Amino acid sequence: MTIPASSYLFQARTFVSGSRKWRFEAALATAQVCERFERPYPKSVRTLAHTAYDMLRMDAPEVAAEFGPPSF
C-alpha cells in the first residue's frame, strides 16, 4: 500500500518553522486536494514529501521506518 504524500507532510510539519512551515502547510493542502480528487501530485508536493521523509528519518525514525520511502 502506498502511503499518501499528505501523511509524510503532516508528520514532518512539526519539525519545521518559519517560512518553511508555510511551504509544508501549502504542500499538505495541495496533496489533500489531489488525494480527494484522485489527481496526480505536482512536482512541488512530491519534492517536499521526499524532503519530509528525509526529515522523519532523522527526527522520527520510527515513523520513517513505518512509512518507508515515498513511492510516487
Protein backbone atom coordinates (compact mmCIF):
# COMPACT_ATOMS: atom_id res chain seq x y z
CA MET A 1 0.00 0.00 0.00
CA THR A 2 1.34 3.41 -0.95
CA ILE A 3 1.50 5.98 1.84
CA PRO A 4 -0.05 9.26 0.61
CA ALA A 5 2.10 12.38 0.37
CA SER A 6 -0.15 14.13 2.88
CA SER A 7 0.91 11.63 5.56
CA TYR A 8 4.61 12.43 5.12
CA LEU A 9 3.91 16.17 5.08
CA PHE A 10 1.58 16.03 8.08
CA GLN A 11 4.11 14.16 10.21
CA ALA A 12 7.08 16.33 9.21
CA ARG A 13 5.40 19.71 9.62
CA THR A 14 6.03 19.60 13.37
CA PHE A 15 9.77 19.72 12.66
CA VAL A 16 9.75 22.86 10.51
CA SER A 17 9.29 26.53 11.34
CA GLY A 18 9.19 29.95 9.75
CA SER A 19 8.70 30.30 6.01
CA ARG A 20 9.46 26.62 5.53
CA LYS A 21 6.45 25.73 7.66
CA TRP A 22 4.18 27.69 5.30
CA ARG A 23 5.59 25.77 2.33
CA PHE A 24 4.85 22.49 4.09
CA GLU A 25 1.32 23.64 5.02
CA ALA A 26 0.63 24.68 1.41
CA ALA A 27 2.01 21.39 0.08
CA LEU A 28 -0.10 19.48 2.60
CA ALA A 29 -3.27 21.28 1.50
CA THR A 30 -2.43 20.66 -2.16
CA ALA A 31 -1.70 16.98 -1.51
CA GLN A 32 -5.03 16.56 0.28
CA VAL A 33 -6.92 18.08 -2.65
CA CYS A 34 -5.05 15.84 -5.10
CA GLU A 35 -5.86 12.78 -2.99
CA ARG A 36 -9.51 13.74 -2.60
CA PHE A 37 -9.99 14.11 -6.36
CA GLU A 38 -7.53 11.34 -7.31
CA ARG A 39 -5.29 13.71 -9.25
CA PRO A 40 -1.51 13.41 -9.63
CA TYR A 41 0.69 15.37 -7.26
CA PRO A 42 2.51 18.41 -8.63
CA LYS A 43 6.30 18.19 -8.60
CA SER A 44 6.50 20.62 -5.66
CA VAL A 45 4.40 18.28 -3.48
CA ARG A 46 6.42 15.22 -4.49
CA THR A 47 9.67 17.06 -3.75
CA LEU A 48 8.53 18.23 -0.32
CA ALA A 49 7.18 14.77 0.54
CA HIS A 50 10.64 13.32 -0.17
CA THR A 51 12.16 16.11 1.94
CA ALA A 52 9.66 15.28 4.68
CA TYR A 53 10.72 11.64 4.60
CA ASP A 54 14.38 12.66 4.95
CA MET A 55 13.45 14.82 7.94
CA LEU A 56 11.49 11.98 9.50
CA ARG A 57 14.46 9.64 9.10
CA MET A 58 16.46 11.99 11.35
CA ASP A 59 13.80 13.33 13.74
CA ALA A 60 11.28 10.48 13.93
CA PRO A 61 12.97 7.32 12.67
CA GLU A 62 10.16 5.09 13.92
CA VAL A 63 7.67 6.94 11.69
CA ALA A 64 10.06 6.83 8.72
CA ALA A 65 10.54 3.10 9.25
CA GLU A 66 6.77 2.54 9.37
CA PHE A 67 6.10 4.63 6.24
CA GLY A 68 9.13 3.67 4.19
CA PRO A 69 10.38 5.92 1.38
CA PRO A 70 7.81 7.66 -0.84
CA SER A 71 6.90 5.64 -3.92
CA PHE A 72 5.16 8.21 -6.08
